[in-house]
Amino acid sequence: MRKERRRNYTKEFKVEAVRLVTEEGYSLSQAAEGLGISKSTIAKWKRVLSNKGDKDIAFPGKGQLNPEEAKLKGLQKELERVKRERDILKKALAYFADPLK
């Protein structure tokens, strides 16, 4: 018996699925069949989004970053790496600059 893997959906996919039902007039069945997911999944996403109000709060997670956010995240990671390198070099400099006693 093969266990089915749990699928992960992006924030944008969830919001679009809910939008199909709420704004485009699709029924839960039509939207679910078209997207290849269950009706209960879309119903749950719809309920969560209506309770939380904001898609970022309702569906926390990585989702797709816009280009500016992706660039910012990349620069932050690079900054952290450079800081670690700097700290290592400072320690090495202090070690090698100290004359032997």
PDB file of N, CA and C in Angstrom:
ATOM      1  N   MET A   1       0.840  -1.178   0.000  1.00  0.00           N
ATOM      2  CA  MET A   1       0.000   0.000   0.000  1.00  0.00           C
ATOM      3  C   MET A   1       0.887   1.244   0.000  1.00  0.00           C
ATOM      4  N   ARG A   2       0.698   2.085  -0.968  1.00  0.00           N
ATOM      5  CA  ARG A   2       1.535   3.266  -1.112  1.00  0.00           C
ATOM      6  C   ARG A   2       0.889   4.465  -0.429  1.00  0.00           C
ATOM      7  N   LYS A   3       1.648   5.142   0.389  1.00  0.00           N
ATOM      8  CA  LYS A   3       1.140   6.299   1.102  1.00  0.00           C
ATOM      9  C   LYS A   3       1.258   7.529   0.203  1.00  0.00           C
ATOM     10  N   GLU A   4       0.171   8.273   0.082  1.00  0.00           N
ATOM     11  CA  GLU A   4       0.178   9.458  -0.765  1.00  0.00           C
ATOM     12  C   GLU A   4       0.855  10.609  -0.028  1.00  0.00           C
ATOM     13  N   ARG A   5       1.705  11.320  -0.746  1.00  0.00           N
ATOM     14  CA  ARG A   5       2.422  12.451  -0.171  1.00  0.00           C
ATOM     15  C   ARG A   5       1.493  13.632   0.039  1.00  0.00           C
ATOM     16  N   ARG A   6       1.687  14.332   1.100  1.00  0.00           N
ATOM     17  CA  ARG A   6       0.902  15.523   1.375  1.00  0.00           C
ATOM     18  C   ARG A   6       1.363  16.634   0.451  1.00  0.00           C
ATOM     19  N   ARG A   7       0.404  17.283  -0.193  1.00  0.00           N
ATOM     20  CA  ARG A   7       0.749  18.345  -1.133  1.00  0.00           C
ATOM     21  C   ARG A   7       0.760  19.689  -0.424  1.00  0.00           C
ATOM     22  N   ASN A   8       1.697  20.525  -0.808  1.00  0.00           N
ATOM     23  CA  ASN A   8       1.782  21.883  -0.283  1.00  0.00           C
ATOM     24  C   ASN A   8       1.382  22.847  -1.384  1.00  0.00           C
ATOM     25  N   TYR A   9       0.608  23.849  -1.027  1.00  0.00           N
ATOM     26  CA  TYR A   9       0.142  24.831  -1.990  1.00  0.00           C
ATOM     27  C   TYR A   9       0.646  26.209  -1.580  1.00  0.00           C
ATOM     28  N   THR A  10       0.957  27.024  -2.573  1.00  0.00           N
ATOM     29  CA  THR A  10       1.422  28.376  -2.283  1.00  0.00           C
ATOM     30  C   THR A  10       0.259  29.234  -1.811  1.00  0.00           C
ATOM     31  N   LYS A  11       0.608  30.312  -1.153  1.00  0.00           N
ATOM     32  CA  LYS A  11      -0.384  31.271  -0.694  1.00  0.00           C
ATOM     33  C   LYS A  11      -1.202  31.788  -1.871  1.00  0.00           C
ATOM     34  N   GLU A  12      -0.540  32.069  -2.988  1.00  0.00           N
ATOM     35  CA  GLU A  12      -1.223  32.602  -4.164  1.00  0.00           C
ATOM     36  C   GLU A  12      -2.234  31.598  -4.716  1.00  0.00           C
ATOM     37  N   PHE A  13      -1.865  30.320  -4.719  1.00  0.00           N
ATOM     38  CA  PHE A  13      -2.776  29.284  -5.206  1.00  0.00           C
ATOM     39  C   PHE A  13      -4.026  29.231  -4.332  1.00  0.00           C
ATOM     40  N   LYS A  14      -3.847  29.286  -3.016  1.00  0.00           N
ATOM     41  CA  LYS A  14      -4.979  29.229  -2.094  1.00  0.00           C
ATOM     42  C   LYS A  14      -5.901  30.423  -2.285  1.00  0.00           C
ATOM     43  N   VAL A  15      -5.316  31.609  -2.382  1.00  0.00           N
ATOM     44  CA  VAL A  15      -6.118  32.821  -2.557  1.00  0.00           C
ATOM     45  C   VAL A  15      -6.870  32.767  -3.880  1.00  0.00           C
ATOM     46  N   GLU A  16      -6.217  32.305  -4.933  1.00  0.00           N
ATOM     47  CA  GLU A  16      -6.868  32.202  -6.243  1.00  0.00           C
ATOM     48  C   GLU A  16      -8.003  31.187  -6.207  1.00  0.00           C
ATOM     49  N   ALA A  17      -7.824  30.078  -5.516  1.00  0.00           N
ATOM     50  CA  ALA A  17      -8.883  29.074  -5.401  1.00  0.00           C
ATOM     51  C   ALA A  17     -10.098  29.659  -4.687  1.00  0.00           C
ATOM     52  N   VAL A  18      -9.858  30.400  -3.617  1.00  0.00           N
ATOM     53  CA  VAL A  18     -10.958  31.030  -2.886  1.00  0.00           C
ATOM     54  C   VAL A  18     -11.619  32.101  -3.746  1.00  0.00           C
ATOM     55  N   ARG A  19     -10.819  32.843  -4.504  1.00  0.00           N
ATOM     56  CA  ARG A  19     -11.362  33.897  -5.364  1.00  0.00           C
ATOM     57  C   ARG A  19     -12.283  33.318  -6.434  1.00  0.00           C
ATOM     58  N   LEU A  20     -11.934  32.166  -6.975  1.00  0.00           N
ATOM     59  CA  LEU A  20     -12.794  31.523  -7.976  1.00  0.00           C
ATOM     60  C   LEU A  20     -14.195  31.282  -7.425  1.00  0.00           C
ATOM     61  N   VAL A  21     -14.269  30.885  -6.169  1.00  0.00           N
ATOM     62  CA  VAL A  21     -15.559  30.586  -5.552  1.00  0.00           C
ATOM     63  C   VAL A  21     -16.283  31.864  -5.137  1.00  0.00           C
ATOM     64  N   THR A  22     -15.563  32.795  -4.535  1.00  0.00           N
ATOM     65  CA  THR A  22     -16.223  33.977  -3.978  1.00  0.00           C
ATOM     66  C   THR A  22     -16.511  35.062  -5.010  1.00  0.00           C
ATOM     67  N   GLU A  23     -15.610  35.268  -5.955  1.00  0.00           N
ATOM     68  CA  GLU A  23     -15.772  36.378  -6.890  1.00  0.00           C
ATOM     69  C   GLU A  23     -16.163  35.946  -8.300  1.00  0.00           C
ATOM     70  N   GLU A  24     -15.702  34.808  -8.740  1.00  0.00           N
ATOM     71  CA  GLU A  24     -15.954  34.378 -10.116  1.00  0.00           C
ATOM     72  C   GLU A  24     -17.235  33.563 -10.262  1.00  0.00           C
ATOM     73  N   GLY A  25     -17.844  33.181  -9.156  1.00  0.00           N
ATOM     74  CA  GLY A  25     -19.116  32.476  -9.220  1.00  0.00           C
ATOM     75  C   GLY A  25     -19.032  30.972  -9.437  1.00  0.00           C
ATOM     76  N   TYR A  26     -17.849  30.398  -9.331  1.00  0.00           N
ATOM     77  CA  TYR A  26     -17.719  28.947  -9.451  1.00  0.00           C
ATOM     78  C   TYR A  26     -18.253  28.296  -8.178  1.00  0.00           C
ATOM     79  N   SER A  27     -18.821  27.113  -8.318  1.00  0.00           N
ATOM     80  CA  SER A  27     -19.210  26.358  -7.131  1.00  0.00           C
ATOM     81  C   SER A  27     -17.952  25.702  -6.563  1.00  0.00           C
ATOM     82  N   LEU A  28     -18.066  25.237  -5.330  1.00  0.00           N
ATOM     83  CA  LEU A  28     -16.920  24.541  -4.729  1.00  0.00           C
ATOM     84  C   LEU A  28     -16.532  23.332  -5.568  1.00  0.00           C
ATOM     85  N   SER A  29     -17.530  22.613  -6.063  1.00  0.00           N
ATOM     86  CA  SER A  29     -17.261  21.413  -6.869  1.00  0.00           C
ATOM     87  C   SER A  29     -16.535  21.754  -8.160  1.00  0.00           C
ATOM     88  N   GLN A  30     -17.003  22.808  -8.843  1.00  0.00           N
ATOM     89  CA  GLN A  30     -16.382  23.200 -10.107  1.00  0.00           C
ATOM     90  C   GLN A  30     -14.935  23.640  -9.898  1.00  0.00           C
ATOM     91  N   ALA A  31     -14.722  24.481  -8.892  1.00  0.00           N
ATOM     92  CA  ALA A  31     -13.370  24.977  -8.624  1.00  0.00           C
ATOM     93  C   ALA A  31     -12.447  23.832  -8.218  1.00  0.00           C
ATOM     94  N   ALA A  32     -12.941  22.955  -7.363  1.00  0.00           N
ATOM     95  CA  ALA A  32     -12.123  21.831  -6.894  1.00  0.00           C
ATOM     96  C   ALA A  32     -11.750  20.907  -8.044  1.00  0.00           C
ATOM     97  N   GLU A  33     -12.708  20.609  -8.895  1.00  0.00           N
ATOM     98  CA  GLU A  33     -12.432  19.725 -10.028  1.00  0.00           C
ATOM     99  C   GLU A  33     -11.441  20.371 -10.991  1.00  0.00           C
ATOM    100  N   GLY A  34     -11.626  21.660 -11.252  1.00  0.00           N
ATOM    101  CA  GLY A  34     -10.730  22.360 -12.168  1.00  0.00           C
ATOM    102  C   GLY A  34      -9.305  22.461 -11.648  1.00  0.00           C
ATOM    103  N   LEU A  35      -9.159  22.582 -10.331  1.00  0.00           N
ATOM    104  CA  LEU A  35      -7.832  22.729  -9.731  1.00  0.00           C
ATOM    105  C   LEU A  35      -7.230  21.394  -9.295  1.00  0.00           C
ATOM    106  N   GLY A  36      -8.036  20.353  -9.304  1.00  0.00           N
ATOM    107  CA  GLY A  36      -7.529  19.039  -8.923  1.00  0.00           C
ATOM    108  C   GLY A  36      -7.351  18.857  -7.428  1.00  0.00           C
ATOM    109  N   ILE A  37      -8.203  19.505  -6.646  1.00  0.00           N
ATOM    110  CA  ILE A  37      -8.147  19.369  -5.188  1.00  0.00           C
ATOM    111  C   ILE A  37      -9.552  19.064  -4.675  1.00  0.00           C
ATOM    112  N   SER A  38      -9.678  18.778  -3.397  1.00  0.00           N
ATOM    113  CA  SER A  38     -10.987  18.421  -2.852  1.00  0.00           C
ATOM    114  C   SER A  38     -11.801  19.665  -2.504  1.00  0.00           C
ATOM    115  N   LYS A  39     -13.125  19.474  -2.462  1.00  0.00           N
ATOM    116  CA  LYS A  39     -14.020  20.579  -2.093  1.00  0.00           C
ATOM    117  C   LYS A  39     -13.744  21.036  -0.667  1.00  0.00           C
ATOM    118  N   SER A  40     -13.485  20.073   0.202  1.00  0.00           N
ATOM    119  CA  SER A  40     -13.275  20.420   1.608  1.00  0.00           C
ATOM    120  C   SER A  40     -12.032  21.283   1.793  1.00  0.00           C
ATOM    121  N   THR A  41     -11.038  21.081   0.939  1.00  0.00           N
ATOM    122  CA  THR A  41      -9.818  21.890   1.028  1.00  0.00           C
ATOM    123  C   THR A  41     -10.124  23.345   0.703  1.00  0.00           C
ATOM    124  N   ILE A  42     -10.854  23.576  -0.383  1.00  0.00           N
ATOM    125  CA  ILE A  42     -11.208  24.955  -0.746  1.00  0.00           C
ATOM    126  C   ILE A  42     -12.124  25.559   0.313  1.00  0.00           C
ATOM    127  N   ALA A  43     -13.065  24.775   0.825  1.00  0.00           N
ATOM    128  CA  ALA A  43     -13.971  25.277   1.860  1.00  0.00           C
ATOM    129  C   ALA A  43     -13.189  25.700   3.102  1.00  0.00           C
ATOM    130  N   LYS A  44     -12.178  24.901   3.462  1.00  0.00           N
ATOM    131  CA  LYS A  44     -11.349  25.241   4.628  1.00  0.00           C
ATOM    132  C   LYS A  44     -10.577  26.529   4.373  1.00  0.00           C
ATOM    133  N   TRP A  45      -9.977  26.658   3.178  1.00  0.00           N
ATOM    134  CA  TRP A  45      -9.233  27.873   2.848  1.00  0.00           C
ATOM    135  C   TRP A  45     -10.146  29.091   2.867  1.00  0.00           C
ATOM    136  N   LYS A  46     -11.360  28.930   2.356  1.00  0.00           N
ATOM    137  CA  LYS A  46     -12.327  30.034   2.326  1.00  0.00           C
ATOM    138  C   LYS A  46     -12.674  30.466   3.751  1.00  0.00           C
ATOM    139  N   ARG A  47     -12.916  29.483   4.631  1.00  0.00           N
ATOM    140  CA  ARG A  47     -13.264  29.770   6.018  1.00  0.00           C
ATOM    141  C   ARG A  47     -12.104  30.467   6.737  1.00  0.00           C
ATOM    142  N   VAL A  48     -10.901  29.970   6.544  1.00  0.00           N
ATOM    143  CA  VAL A  48      -9.726  30.561   7.196  1.00  0.00           C
ATOM    144  C   VAL A  48      -9.511  31.990   6.711  1.00  0.00           C
ATOM    145  N   LEU A  49      -9.630  32.209   5.411  1.00  0.00           N
ATOM    146  CA  LEU A  49      -9.416  33.546   4.858  1.00  0.00           C
ATOM    147  C   LEU A  49     -10.480  34.516   5.340  1.00  0.00           C
ATOM    148  N   SER A  50     -11.735  34.076   5.430  1.00  0.00           N
ATOM    149  CA  SER A  50     -12.789  34.981   5.895  1.00  0.00           C
ATOM    150  C   SER A  50     -12.633  35.291   7.380  1.00  0.00           C
ATOM    151  N   ASN A  51     -12.147  34.335   8.169  1.00  0.00           N
ATOM    152  CA  ASN A  51     -11.940  34.574   9.603  1.00  0.00           C
ATOM    153  C   ASN A  51     -10.756  35.494   9.867  1.00  0.00           C
ATOM    154  N   LYS A  52      -9.666  35.296   9.141  1.00  0.00           N
ATOM    155  CA  LYS A  52      -8.447  36.075   9.377  1.00  0.00           C
ATOM    156  C   LYS A  52      -8.472  37.412   8.647  1.00  0.00           C
ATOM    157  N   GLY A  53      -9.135  37.472   7.505  1.00  0.00           N
ATOM    158  CA  GLY A  53      -9.246  38.727   6.765  1.00  0.00           C
ATOM    159  C   GLY A  53      -8.111  39.001   5.807  1.00  0.00           C
ATOM    160  N   ASP A  54      -6.894  38.829   6.241  1.00  0.00           N
ATOM    161  CA  ASP A  54      -5.729  39.152   5.411  1.00  0.00           C
ATOM    162  C   ASP A  54      -5.065  37.863   4.951  1.00  0.00           C
ATOM    163  N   LYS A  55      -4.727  37.795   3.665  1.00  0.00           N
ATOM    164  CA  LYS A  55      -4.139  36.562   3.128  1.00  0.00           C
ATOM    165  C   LYS A  55      -2.790  36.244   3.754  1.00  0.00           C
ATOM    166  N   ASP A  56      -2.022  37.269   4.133  1.00  0.00           N
ATOM    167  CA  ASP A  56      -0.713  37.018   4.735  1.00  0.00           C
ATOM    168  C   ASP A  56      -0.847  36.422   6.129  1.00  0.00           C
ATOM    169  N   ILE A  57      -1.902  36.795   6.836  1.00  0.00           N
ATOM    170  CA  ILE A  57      -2.142  36.239   8.172  1.00  0.00           C
ATOM    171  C   ILE A  57      -2.821  34.878   8.054  1.00  0.00           C
ATOM    172  N   ALA A  58      -3.760  34.767   7.110  1.00  0.00           N
ATOM    173  CA  ALA A  58      -4.509  33.522   6.948  1.00  0.00           C
ATOM    174  C   ALA A  58      -3.626  32.380   6.464  1.00  0.00           C
ATOM    175  N   PHE A  59      -2.699  32.687   5.572  1.00  0.00           N
ATOM    176  CA  PHE A  59      -1.844  31.656   4.991  1.00  0.00           C
ATOM    177  C   PHE A  59      -0.376  32.011   5.194  1.00  0.00           C
ATOM    178  N   PRO A  60       0.114  31.917   6.440  1.00  0.00           N
ATOM    179  CA  PRO A  60       1.529  32.217   6.632  1.00  0.00           C
ATOM    180  C   PRO A  60       2.365  31.141   5.964  1.00  0.00           C
ATOM    181  N   GLY A  61       3.450  31.529   5.465  1.00  0.00           N
ATOM    182  CA  GLY A  61       4.305  30.572   4.781  1.00  0.00           C
ATOM    183  C   GLY A  61       5.153  31.304   3.777  1.00  0.00           C
ATOM    184  N   LYS A  62       5.923  30.570   3.072  1.00  0.00           N
ATOM    185  CA  LYS A  62       6.852  31.196   2.146  1.00  0.00           C
ATOM    186  C   LYS A  62       6.140  31.833   0.968  1.00  0.00           C
ATOM    187  N   GLY A  63       5.294  31.077   0.311  1.00  0.00           N
ATOM    188  CA  GLY A  63       4.638  31.635  -0.856  1.00  0.00           C
ATOM    189  C   GLY A  63       5.649  32.110  -1.887  1.00  0.00           C
ATOM    190  N   GLN A  64       5.217  32.835  -2.852  1.00  0.00           N
ATOM    191  CA  GLN A  64       6.113  33.383  -3.864  1.00  0.00           C
ATOM    192  C   GLN A  64       6.479  34.806  -3.468  1.00  0.00           C
ATOM    193  N   LEU A  65       7.752  35.080  -3.367  1.00  0.00           N
ATOM    194  CA  LEU A  65       8.203  36.425  -3.055  1.00  0.00           C
ATOM    195  C   LEU A  65       8.236  37.245  -4.330  1.00  0.00           C
ATOM    196  N   ASN A  66       7.860  38.525  -4.182  1.00  0.00           N
ATOM    197  CA  ASN A  66       8.010  39.373  -5.360  1.00  0.00           C
ATOM    198  C   ASN A  66       9.499  39.647  -5.541  1.00  0.00           C
ATOM    199  N   PRO A  67       9.915  40.126  -6.701  1.00  0.00           N
ATOM    200  CA  PRO A  67      11.353  40.283  -6.974  1.00  0.00           C
ATOM    201  C   PRO A  67      12.087  41.148  -5.949  1.00  0.00           C
ATOM    202  N   GLU A  68      11.437  42.201  -5.465  1.00  0.00           N
ATOM    203  CA  GLU A  68      12.095  43.068  -4.479  1.00  0.00           C
ATOM    204  C   GLU A  68      12.318  42.334  -3.163  1.00  0.00           C
ATOM    205  N   GLU A  69      11.300  41.579  -2.718  1.00  0.00           N
ATOM    206  CA  GLU A  69      11.440  40.824  -1.473  1.00  0.00           C
ATOM    207  C   GLU A  69      12.500  39.734  -1.613  1.00  0.00           C
ATOM    208  N   ALA A  70      12.539  39.094  -2.768  1.00  0.00           N
ATOM    209  CA  ALA A  70      13.532  38.045  -3.006  1.00  0.00           C
ATOM    210  C   ALA A  70      14.941  38.632  -2.978  1.00  0.00           C
ATOM    211  N   LYS A  71      15.111  39.800  -3.592  1.00  0.00           N
ATOM    212  CA  LYS A  71      16.419  40.451  -3.601  1.00  0.00           C
ATOM    213  C   LYS A  71      16.820  40.847  -2.183  1.00  0.00           C
ATOM    214  N   LEU A  72      15.869  41.400  -1.424  1.00  0.00           N
ATOM    215  CA  LEU A  72      16.140  41.795  -0.046  1.00  0.00           C
ATOM    216  C   LEU A  72      16.540  40.584   0.791  1.00  0.00           C
ATOM    217  N   LYS A  73      15.816  39.487   0.633  1.00  0.00           N
ATOM    218  CA  LYS A  73      16.139  38.280   1.393  1.00  0.00           C
ATOM    219  C   LYS A  73      17.531  37.764   1.031  1.00  0.00           C
ATOM    220  N   GLY A  74      17.863  37.794  -0.262  1.00  0.00           N
ATOM    221  CA  GLY A  74      19.189  37.363  -0.700  1.00  0.00           C
ATOM    222  C   GLY A  74      20.286  38.243  -0.135  1.00  0.00           C
ATOM    223  N   LEU A  75      20.049  39.555  -0.126  1.00  0.00           N
ATOM    224  CA  LEU A  75      21.042  40.485   0.418  1.00  0.00           C
ATOM    225  C   LEU A  75      21.215  40.293   1.921  1.00  0.00           C
ATOM    226  N   GLN A  76      20.115  40.004   2.626  1.00  0.00           N
ATOM    227  CA  GLN A  76      20.213  39.767   4.062  1.00  0.00           C
ATOM    228  C   GLN A  76      21.027  38.502   4.355  1.00  0.00           C
ATOM    229  N   LYS A  77      20.817  37.457   3.561  1.00  0.00           N
ATOM    230  CA  LYS A  77      21.597  36.227   3.743  1.00  0.00           C
ATOM    231  C   LYS A  77      23.073  36.480   3.468  1.00  0.00           C
ATOM    232  N   GLU A  78      23.358  37.250   2.414  1.00  0.00           N
ATOM    233  CA  GLU A  78      24.744  37.563   2.073  1.00  0.00           C
ATOM    234  C   GLU A  78      25.392  38.389   3.179  1.00  0.00           C
ATOM    235  N   LEU A  79      24.641  39.343   3.742  1.00  0.00           N
ATOM    236  CA  LEU A  79      25.160  40.169   4.829  1.00  0.00           C
ATOM    237  C   LEU A  79      25.523  39.302   6.034  1.00  0.00           C
ATOM    238  N   GLU A  80      24.659  38.362   6.383  1.00  0.00           N
ATOM    239  CA  GLU A  80      24.950  37.471   7.507  1.00  0.00           C
ATOM    240  C   GLU A  80      26.214  36.651   7.251  1.00  0.00           C
ATOM    241  N   ARG A  81      26.368  36.153   6.024  1.00  0.00           N
ATOM    242  CA  ARG A  81      27.554  35.368   5.670  1.00  0.00           C
ATOM    243  C   ARG A  81      28.816  36.221   5.784  1.00  0.00           C
ATOM    244  N   VAL A  82      28.750  37.456   5.279  1.00  0.00           N
ATOM    245  CA  VAL A  82      29.912  38.347   5.320  1.00  0.00           C
ATOM    246  C   VAL A  82      30.257  38.709   6.766  1.00  0.00           C
ATOM    247  N   LYS A  83      29.243  38.894   7.611  1.00  0.00           N
ATOM    248  CA  LYS A  83      29.502  39.184   9.027  1.00  0.00           C
ATOM    249  C   LYS A  83      30.215  38.014   9.705  1.00  0.00           C
ATOM    250  N   ARG A  84      29.769  36.786   9.400  1.00  0.00           N
ATOM    251  CA  ARG A  84      30.438  35.612   9.985  1.00  0.00           C
ATOM    252  C   ARG A  84      31.890  35.538   9.530  1.00  0.00           C
ATOM    253  N   GLU A  85      32.129  35.795   8.232  1.00  0.00           N
ATOM    254  CA  GLU A  85      33.500  35.782   7.713  1.00  0.00           C
ATOM    255  C   GLU A  85      34.345  36.849   8.404  1.00  0.00           C
ATOM    256  N   ARG A  86      33.789  38.040   8.580  1.00  0.00           N
ATOM    257  CA  ARG A  86      34.502  39.130   9.242  1.00  0.00           C
ATOM    258  C   ARG A  86      34.885  38.737  10.662  1.00  0.00           C
ATOM    259  N   ASP A  87      33.945  38.138  11.392  1.00  0.00           N
ATOM    260  CA  ASP A  87      34.223  37.741  12.771  1.00  0.00           C
ATOM    261  C   ASP A  87      35.332  36.695  12.837  1.00  0.00           C
ATOM    262  N   ILE A  88      35.321  35.759  11.906  1.00  0.00           N
ATOM    263  CA  ILE A  88      36.377  34.742  11.863  1.00  0.00           C
ATOM    264  C   ILE A  88      37.726  35.394  11.577  1.00  0.00           C
ATOM    265  N   LEU A  89      37.753  36.326  10.631  1.00  0.00           N
ATOM    266  CA  LEU A  89      39.010  37.002  10.293  1.00  0.00           C
ATOM    267  C   LEU A  89      39.516  37.858  11.450  1.00  0.00           C
ATOM    268  N   LYS A  90      38.612  38.497  12.194  1.00  0.00           N
ATOM    269  CA  LYS A  90      39.024  39.282  13.360  1.00  0.00           C
ATOM    270  C   LYS A  90      39.714  38.388  14.391  1.00  0.00           C
ATOM    271  N   LYS A  91      39.117  37.227  14.634  1.00  0.00           N
ATOM    272  CA  LYS A  91      39.702  36.304  15.604  1.00  0.00           C
ATOM    273  C   LYS A  91      41.056  35.794  15.123  1.00  0.00           C
ATOM    274  N   ALA A  92      41.163  35.500  13.839  1.00  0.00           N
ATOM    275  CA  ALA A  92      42.432  35.021  13.282  1.00  0.00           C
ATOM    276  C   ALA A  92      43.491  36.110  13.369  1.00  0.00           C
ATOM    277  N   LEU A  93      43.117  37.350  13.079  1.00  0.00           N
ATOM    278  CA  LEU A  93      44.057  38.471  13.149  1.00  0.00           C
ATOM    279  C   LEU A  93      44.558  38.652  14.580  1.00  0.00           C
ATOM    280  N   ALA A  94      43.652  38.582  15.539  1.00  0.00           N
ATOM    281  CA  ALA A  94      44.049  38.727  16.938  1.00  0.00           C
ATOM    282  C   ALA A  94      44.983  37.593  17.356  1.00  0.00           C
ATOM    283  N   TYR A  95      44.738  36.408  16.880  1.00  0.00           N
ATOM    284  CA  TYR A  95      45.560  35.255  17.237  1.00  0.00           C
ATOM    285  C   TYR A  95      46.964  35.381  16.651  1.00  0.00           C
ATOM    286  N   PHE A  96      47.058  35.742  15.366  1.00  0.00           N
ATOM    287  CA  PHE A  96      48.361  35.804  14.710  1.00  0.00           C
ATOM    288  C   PHE A  96      49.125  37.087  15.028  1.00  0.00           C
ATOM    289  N   ALA A  97      48.449  38.144  15.427  1.00  0.00           N
ATOM    290  CA  ALA A  97      49.119  39.402  15.740  1.00  0.00           C
ATOM    291  C   ALA A  97      49.716  39.374  17.147  1.00  0.00           C
ATOM    292  N   ASP A  98      49.218  38.522  18.001  1.00  0.00           N
ATOM    293  CA  ASP A  98      49.706  38.440  19.369  1.00  0.00           C
ATOM    294  C   ASP A  98      51.063  37.739  19.371  1.00  0.00           C
ATOM    295  N   PRO A  99      52.130  38.441  19.802  1.00  0.00           N
ATOM    296  CA  PRO A  99      53.457  37.807  19.804  1.00  0.00           C
ATOM    297  C   PRO A  99      53.505  36.656  20.816  1.00  0.00           C
ATOM    298  N   LEU A 100      54.313  35.687  20.502  1.00  0.00           N
ATOM    299  CA  LEU A 100      54.456  34.547  21.401  1.00  0.00           C
ATOM    300  C   LEU A 100      55.171  34.994  22.663  1.00  0.00           C
ATOM    301  N   LYS A 101      54.724  34.515  23.769  1.00  0.00           N
ATOM    302  CA  LYS A 101      55.320  34.939  25.037  1.00  0.00           C
ATOM    303  C   LYS A 101      56.246  33.905  25.583  1.00  0.00           C
TER     304      LYS A 101
END
